[in-house]
Amino acid sequence: MLDEVNTPKAAAPEPTAPARAARPAPMPPMAPARGPSPARPQRERVMEADTLERIKVIEAAIEELRPFLKRDGGDCELVDVEGNTIYVKLTGACVGCHMASVTIHGVQERLIAMLRTPLRVIPVG
């Protein structure tokens, strides 16, 4: 029987450094754009026309509501349009009125009816 105590043991393998992942070669720079495609200016003009048309409709809706607001000493002005968010400024007696939120809701409902699209009306100070 062999004595296991005197038997030489095999040396443990030395740990190796983890393999490094090869980095991909850098991408060559892209060629600069040579101007907008021919269809893009037409699409931008259509979008501008749509936006201008929407602003006209919004102004017309506010004009329809203005006599009711002025009768109570207030008024409403269009400030900005960003997509489906419309910013308005209440002036006169509407400032600080406890019914201002009802007025904003009425303006919003009127605009939704005229534009036939969901939107938000946000009052600005």
N, C-alpha and C. Protein backbone atom coordinates (compact mmCIF):
# COMPACT_ATOMS: atom_id res chain seq x y z
N MET A 1 0.81 -1.16 0.00
CA MET A 1 0.00 0.00 0.00
C MET A 1 0.87 1.24 0.00
N LEU A 2 0.50 2.15 -0.79
CA LEU A 2 1.27 3.38 -0.89
C LEU A 2 0.84 4.34 0.18
N ASP A 3 1.77 5.00 0.69
CA ASP A 3 1.49 5.99 1.73
C ASP A 3 1.16 7.31 1.05
N GLU A 4 -0.03 7.78 1.23
CA GLU A 4 -0.46 9.00 0.55
C GLU A 4 0.23 10.23 1.09
N VAL A 5 0.78 10.15 2.25
CA VAL A 5 1.44 11.31 2.85
C VAL A 5 2.73 11.61 2.11
N ASN A 6 3.43 10.61 1.65
CA ASN A 6 4.72 10.80 1.01
C ASN A 6 4.63 10.95 -0.50
N THR A 7 3.44 10.83 -1.05
CA THR A 7 3.28 10.94 -2.48
C THR A 7 3.32 12.41 -2.88
N PRO A 8 4.15 12.74 -3.86
CA PRO A 8 4.18 14.14 -4.29
C PRO A 8 2.86 14.52 -4.97
N LYS A 9 2.39 15.69 -4.61
CA LYS A 9 1.13 16.17 -5.19
C LYS A 9 1.42 17.06 -6.40
N ALA A 10 0.50 17.07 -7.32
CA ALA A 10 0.66 17.92 -8.50
C ALA A 10 0.40 19.36 -8.09
N ALA A 11 1.19 20.24 -8.62
CA ALA A 11 1.04 21.66 -8.29
C ALA A 11 -0.26 22.19 -8.88
N ALA A 12 -0.91 23.06 -8.10
CA ALA A 12 -2.16 23.68 -8.58
C ALA A 12 -1.85 24.64 -9.71
N PRO A 13 -2.70 24.66 -10.72
CA PRO A 13 -2.40 25.59 -11.81
C PRO A 13 -2.49 27.04 -11.33
N GLU A 14 -1.58 27.85 -11.82
CA GLU A 14 -1.59 29.27 -11.43
C GLU A 14 -2.73 29.97 -12.13
N PRO A 15 -3.38 30.90 -11.41
CA PRO A 15 -4.50 31.62 -12.05
C PRO A 15 -3.99 32.48 -13.19
N THR A 16 -4.79 32.51 -14.22
CA THR A 16 -4.42 33.32 -15.38
C THR A 16 -5.26 34.58 -15.40
N ALA A 17 -4.75 35.58 -16.01
CA ALA A 17 -5.48 36.84 -16.13
C ALA A 17 -6.69 36.60 -17.03
N PRO A 18 -7.83 37.25 -16.73
CA PRO A 18 -8.99 37.06 -17.60
C PRO A 18 -8.69 37.57 -19.00
N ALA A 19 -9.25 36.89 -19.94
CA ALA A 19 -9.05 37.27 -21.34
C ALA A 19 -9.70 38.63 -21.59
N ARG A 20 -9.01 39.48 -22.28
CA ARG A 20 -9.55 40.81 -22.59
C ARG A 20 -10.35 40.73 -23.88
N ALA A 21 -11.50 41.36 -23.83
CA ALA A 21 -12.33 41.38 -25.04
C ALA A 21 -11.69 42.32 -26.05
N ALA A 22 -11.68 41.89 -27.26
CA ALA A 22 -11.12 42.73 -28.30
C ALA A 22 -12.07 43.89 -28.57
N ARG A 23 -11.52 45.07 -28.65
CA ARG A 23 -12.34 46.24 -28.93
C ARG A 23 -12.60 46.33 -30.43
N PRO A 24 -13.83 46.70 -30.78
CA PRO A 24 -14.09 46.84 -32.21
C PRO A 24 -13.35 48.06 -32.76
N ALA A 25 -13.05 47.98 -34.00
CA ALA A 25 -12.36 49.09 -34.65
C ALA A 25 -13.28 50.31 -34.65
N PRO A 26 -12.71 51.50 -34.48
CA PRO A 26 -13.57 52.70 -34.49
C PRO A 26 -14.24 52.87 -35.85
N MET A 27 -15.47 53.40 -35.78
CA MET A 27 -16.22 53.64 -37.01
C MET A 27 -15.66 54.87 -37.72
N PRO A 28 -15.58 54.82 -39.02
CA PRO A 28 -15.12 56.02 -39.73
C PRO A 28 -16.18 57.11 -39.60
N PRO A 29 -15.76 58.37 -39.62
CA PRO A 29 -16.75 59.44 -39.49
C PRO A 29 -17.72 59.42 -40.67
N MET A 30 -18.97 59.79 -40.36
CA MET A 30 -19.98 59.80 -41.41
C MET A 30 -19.81 61.05 -42.26
N ALA A 31 -20.17 60.92 -43.48
CA ALA A 31 -20.10 62.06 -44.39
C ALA A 31 -21.12 63.10 -43.96
N PRO A 32 -20.80 64.38 -44.05
CA PRO A 32 -21.77 65.41 -43.66
C PRO A 32 -22.98 65.37 -44.57
N ALA A 33 -24.11 65.74 -43.98
CA ALA A 33 -25.35 65.77 -44.76
C ALA A 33 -25.23 66.82 -45.85
N ARG A 34 -25.81 66.53 -46.97
CA ARG A 34 -25.72 67.45 -48.10
C ARG A 34 -26.97 68.28 -48.25
N GLY A 35 -27.59 68.61 -47.14
CA GLY A 35 -28.80 69.43 -47.20
C GLY A 35 -30.03 68.57 -47.02
N PRO A 36 -31.15 69.20 -46.81
CA PRO A 36 -32.38 68.45 -46.58
C PRO A 36 -32.83 67.73 -47.84
N SER A 37 -33.54 66.66 -47.62
CA SER A 37 -34.07 65.95 -48.77
C SER A 37 -35.15 66.82 -49.43
N PRO A 38 -35.43 66.61 -50.69
CA PRO A 38 -36.41 67.45 -51.38
C PRO A 38 -37.79 67.41 -50.73
N ALA A 39 -38.18 66.31 -50.10
CA ALA A 39 -39.52 66.22 -49.52
C ALA A 39 -39.61 66.97 -48.19
N ARG A 40 -38.52 67.17 -47.50
CA ARG A 40 -38.56 67.77 -46.17
C ARG A 40 -39.09 69.20 -46.17
N PRO A 41 -38.62 70.11 -47.03
CA PRO A 41 -39.17 71.46 -46.97
C PRO A 41 -40.68 71.50 -47.21
N GLN A 42 -41.17 70.66 -48.07
CA GLN A 42 -42.62 70.62 -48.33
C GLN A 42 -43.36 70.19 -47.08
N ARG A 43 -42.85 69.17 -46.39
CA ARG A 43 -43.49 68.68 -45.18
C ARG A 43 -43.46 69.75 -44.09
N GLU A 44 -42.33 70.48 -43.97
CA GLU A 44 -42.23 71.55 -42.98
C GLU A 44 -43.25 72.65 -43.28
N ARG A 45 -43.43 72.97 -44.56
CA ARG A 45 -44.41 74.01 -44.92
C ARG A 45 -45.82 73.55 -44.57
N VAL A 46 -46.11 72.28 -44.78
CA VAL A 46 -47.43 71.75 -44.45
C VAL A 46 -47.64 71.81 -42.95
N MET A 47 -46.61 71.44 -42.17
CA MET A 47 -46.72 71.49 -40.72
C MET A 47 -46.91 72.91 -40.24
N GLU A 48 -46.19 73.87 -40.84
CA GLU A 48 -46.35 75.26 -40.46
C GLU A 48 -47.75 75.74 -40.80
N ALA A 49 -48.26 75.34 -41.95
CA ALA A 49 -49.61 75.73 -42.34
C ALA A 49 -50.64 75.14 -41.37
N ASP A 50 -50.44 73.88 -40.97
CA ASP A 50 -51.34 73.26 -40.00
C ASP A 50 -51.31 74.01 -38.68
N THR A 51 -50.11 74.36 -38.23
CA THR A 51 -49.97 75.08 -36.96
C THR A 51 -50.62 76.45 -37.05
N LEU A 52 -50.40 77.14 -38.12
CA LEU A 52 -51.02 78.47 -38.28
C LEU A 52 -52.54 78.34 -38.33
N GLU A 53 -53.04 77.33 -39.00
CA GLU A 53 -54.48 77.10 -39.06
C GLU A 53 -55.05 76.81 -37.67
N ARG A 54 -54.33 75.99 -36.91
CA ARG A 54 -54.77 75.68 -35.54
C ARG A 54 -54.80 76.94 -34.69
N ILE A 55 -53.78 77.78 -34.81
CA ILE A 55 -53.72 79.01 -34.03
C ILE A 55 -54.90 79.92 -34.39
N LYS A 56 -55.25 79.97 -35.67
CA LYS A 56 -56.41 80.78 -36.09
C LYS A 56 -57.69 80.24 -35.46
N VAL A 57 -57.85 78.93 -35.43
CA VAL A 57 -59.04 78.32 -34.83
C VAL A 57 -59.08 78.61 -33.33
N ILE A 58 -57.93 78.51 -32.69
CA ILE A 58 -57.86 78.78 -31.25
C ILE A 58 -58.22 80.23 -30.96
N GLU A 59 -57.66 81.14 -31.74
CA GLU A 59 -57.99 82.57 -31.58
C GLU A 59 -59.48 82.81 -31.79
N ALA A 60 -60.06 82.15 -32.79
CA ALA A 60 -61.49 82.33 -33.06
C ALA A 60 -62.33 81.82 -31.88
N ALA A 61 -61.92 80.71 -31.29
CA ALA A 61 -62.66 80.18 -30.14
C ALA A 61 -62.58 81.14 -28.95
N ILE A 62 -61.41 81.69 -28.72
CA ILE A 62 -61.26 82.65 -27.62
C ILE A 62 -62.09 83.90 -27.90
N GLU A 63 -62.12 84.33 -29.15
CA GLU A 63 -62.93 85.51 -29.50
C GLU A 63 -64.41 85.26 -29.24
N GLU A 64 -64.88 84.03 -29.48
CA GLU A 64 -66.28 83.70 -29.20
C GLU A 64 -66.59 83.76 -27.71
N LEU A 65 -65.62 83.39 -26.89
CA LEU A 65 -65.82 83.38 -25.44
C LEU A 65 -65.55 84.74 -24.80
N ARG A 66 -64.82 85.60 -25.47
CA ARG A 66 -64.40 86.88 -24.91
C ARG A 66 -65.56 87.74 -24.40
N PRO A 67 -66.69 87.88 -25.12
CA PRO A 67 -67.78 88.71 -24.59
C PRO A 67 -68.28 88.24 -23.22
N PHE A 68 -68.33 86.94 -23.01
CA PHE A 68 -68.79 86.41 -21.73
C PHE A 68 -67.78 86.74 -20.62
N LEU A 69 -66.51 86.67 -20.95
CA LEU A 69 -65.48 86.98 -19.97
C LEU A 69 -65.47 88.47 -19.65
N LYS A 70 -65.58 89.29 -20.69
CA LYS A 70 -65.55 90.74 -20.49
C LYS A 70 -66.77 91.22 -19.70
N ARG A 71 -67.89 90.55 -19.86
CA ARG A 71 -69.10 90.93 -19.13
C ARG A 71 -68.86 90.84 -17.62
N ASP A 72 -68.01 89.89 -17.22
CA ASP A 72 -67.67 89.74 -15.81
C ASP A 72 -66.37 90.46 -15.44
N GLY A 73 -65.82 91.24 -16.37
CA GLY A 73 -64.62 92.03 -16.09
C GLY A 73 -63.31 91.31 -16.34
N GLY A 74 -63.34 90.17 -16.99
CA GLY A 74 -62.11 89.41 -17.25
C GLY A 74 -61.83 89.29 -18.73
N ASP A 75 -60.77 88.57 -19.03
CA ASP A 75 -60.39 88.33 -20.42
C ASP A 75 -59.43 87.15 -20.46
N CYS A 76 -59.18 86.65 -21.67
CA CYS A 76 -58.30 85.50 -21.88
C CYS A 76 -57.48 85.77 -23.13
N GLU A 77 -56.17 85.53 -23.04
CA GLU A 77 -55.27 85.74 -24.16
C GLU A 77 -54.52 84.45 -24.47
N LEU A 78 -54.32 84.17 -25.74
CA LEU A 78 -53.51 83.03 -26.15
C LEU A 78 -52.04 83.41 -25.97
N VAL A 79 -51.28 82.55 -25.29
CA VAL A 79 -49.87 82.81 -25.05
C VAL A 79 -49.00 81.95 -25.96
N ASP A 80 -49.28 80.63 -26.01
CA ASP A 80 -48.43 79.73 -26.79
C ASP A 80 -49.19 78.46 -27.11
N VAL A 81 -48.75 77.79 -28.17
CA VAL A 81 -49.29 76.49 -28.54
C VAL A 81 -48.11 75.57 -28.76
N GLU A 82 -48.07 74.47 -28.00
CA GLU A 82 -47.02 73.45 -28.15
C GLU A 82 -47.70 72.11 -28.31
N GLY A 83 -47.83 71.66 -29.52
CA GLY A 83 -48.51 70.39 -29.78
C GLY A 83 -49.96 70.47 -29.36
N ASN A 84 -50.37 69.60 -28.43
CA ASN A 84 -51.74 69.60 -27.95
C ASN A 84 -51.88 70.30 -26.60
N THR A 85 -50.91 71.14 -26.26
CA THR A 85 -50.96 71.94 -25.05
C THR A 85 -51.07 73.40 -25.44
N ILE A 86 -52.09 74.05 -24.89
CA ILE A 86 -52.35 75.45 -25.21
C ILE A 86 -52.21 76.25 -23.92
N TYR A 87 -51.38 77.28 -23.97
CA TYR A 87 -51.15 78.14 -22.82
C TYR A 87 -51.92 79.44 -23.00
N VAL A 88 -52.71 79.78 -22.00
CA VAL A 88 -53.50 81.01 -22.04
C VAL A 88 -53.22 81.83 -20.78
N LYS A 89 -53.49 83.12 -20.88
CA LYS A 89 -53.33 84.01 -19.74
C LYS A 89 -54.67 84.65 -19.44
N LEU A 90 -55.13 84.45 -18.23
CA LEU A 90 -56.36 85.11 -17.79
C LEU A 90 -55.99 86.49 -17.26
N THR A 91 -56.78 87.50 -17.61
CA THR A 91 -56.50 88.86 -17.17
C THR A 91 -57.76 89.47 -16.56
N GLY A 92 -57.60 90.66 -16.02
CA GLY A 92 -58.74 91.38 -15.44
C GLY A 92 -59.25 90.69 -14.20
N ALA A 93 -60.56 90.63 -14.07
CA ALA A 93 -61.19 90.03 -12.89
C ALA A 93 -60.97 88.53 -12.80
N CYS A 94 -60.53 87.89 -13.88
CA CYS A 94 -60.28 86.44 -13.84
C CYS A 94 -59.07 86.12 -12.97
N VAL A 95 -58.14 87.07 -12.83
CA VAL A 95 -56.95 86.84 -12.02
C VAL A 95 -57.38 86.74 -10.56
N GLY A 96 -57.11 85.60 -9.96
CA GLY A 96 -57.46 85.39 -8.57
C GLY A 96 -58.90 85.01 -8.32
N CYS A 97 -59.70 84.89 -9.36
CA CYS A 97 -61.11 84.52 -9.20
C CYS A 97 -61.20 83.04 -8.84
N HIS A 98 -62.09 82.71 -7.93
CA HIS A 98 -62.24 81.31 -7.53
C HIS A 98 -62.91 80.47 -8.63
N MET A 99 -63.44 81.09 -9.65
CA MET A 99 -64.05 80.36 -10.77
C MET A 99 -63.12 80.28 -11.99
N ALA A 100 -61.87 80.69 -11.83
CA ALA A 100 -60.92 80.68 -12.96
C ALA A 100 -60.73 79.28 -13.52
N SER A 101 -60.72 78.28 -12.65
CA SER A 101 -60.54 76.91 -13.15
C SER A 101 -61.73 76.47 -14.01
N VAL A 102 -62.91 76.95 -13.66
CA VAL A 102 -64.10 76.65 -14.47
C VAL A 102 -63.99 77.34 -15.83
N THR A 103 -63.47 78.56 -15.83
CA THR A 103 -63.27 79.29 -17.08
C THR A 103 -62.28 78.55 -17.97
N ILE A 104 -61.16 78.12 -17.40
CA ILE A 104 -60.15 77.37 -18.17
C ILE A 104 -60.76 76.09 -18.73
N HIS A 105 -61.54 75.41 -17.92
CA HIS A 105 -62.19 74.17 -18.39
C HIS A 105 -63.15 74.47 -19.55
N GLY A 106 -63.89 75.58 -19.46
CA GLY A 106 -64.80 75.96 -20.54
C GLY A 106 -64.05 76.28 -21.83
N VAL A 107 -62.92 76.98 -21.69
CA VAL A 107 -62.09 77.28 -22.86
C VAL A 107 -61.58 75.97 -23.47
N GLN A 108 -61.15 75.06 -22.62
CA GLN A 108 -60.64 73.77 -23.10
C GLN A 108 -61.73 72.99 -23.83
N GLU A 109 -62.92 72.92 -23.26
CA GLU A 109 -64.02 72.19 -23.90
C GLU A 109 -64.37 72.81 -25.25
N ARG A 110 -64.38 74.12 -25.32
CA ARG A 110 -64.70 74.80 -26.59
C ARG A 110 -63.63 74.50 -27.65
N LEU A 111 -62.37 74.50 -27.24
CA LEU A 111 -61.28 74.22 -28.18
C LEU A 111 -61.31 72.77 -28.64
N ILE A 112 -61.61 71.86 -27.73
CA ILE A 112 -61.72 70.45 -28.12
C ILE A 112 -62.83 70.28 -29.15
N ALA A 113 -63.95 70.97 -28.95
CA ALA A 113 -65.06 70.87 -29.89
C ALA A 113 -64.69 71.44 -31.26
N MET A 114 -63.95 72.53 -31.27
CA MET A 114 -63.60 73.17 -32.54
C MET A 114 -62.47 72.45 -33.27
N LEU A 115 -61.47 71.97 -32.53
CA LEU A 115 -60.32 71.32 -33.16
C LEU A 115 -60.51 69.81 -33.34
N ARG A 116 -61.50 69.26 -32.65
CA ARG A 116 -61.81 67.83 -32.72
C ARG A 116 -60.60 66.96 -32.38
N THR A 117 -59.87 67.37 -31.35
CA THR A 117 -58.72 66.61 -30.88
C THR A 117 -58.54 66.85 -29.39
N PRO A 118 -58.10 65.84 -28.67
CA PRO A 118 -57.87 66.06 -27.24
C PRO A 118 -56.70 67.02 -27.01
N LEU A 119 -56.85 67.90 -26.06
CA LEU A 119 -55.81 68.87 -25.77
C LEU A 119 -55.93 69.35 -24.34
N ARG A 120 -54.92 70.08 -23.89
CA ARG A 120 -54.91 70.64 -22.55
C ARG A 120 -54.75 72.13 -22.65
N VAL A 121 -55.50 72.85 -21.82
CA VAL A 121 -55.36 74.29 -21.71
C VAL A 121 -54.76 74.56 -20.34
N ILE A 122 -53.62 75.26 -20.33
CA ILE A 122 -52.91 75.54 -19.10
C ILE A 122 -52.82 77.05 -18.91
N PRO A 123 -53.28 77.55 -17.76
CA PRO A 123 -53.16 78.99 -17.50
C PRO A 123 -51.75 79.33 -17.08
N VAL A 124 -51.25 80.47 -17.55
CA VAL A 124 -49.94 80.97 -17.14
C VAL A 124 -50.13 82.33 -16.50
N GLY A 125 -49.20 82.68 -15.63
CA GLY A 125 -49.34 83.91 -14.85
C GLY A 125 -48.88 85.07 -15.60
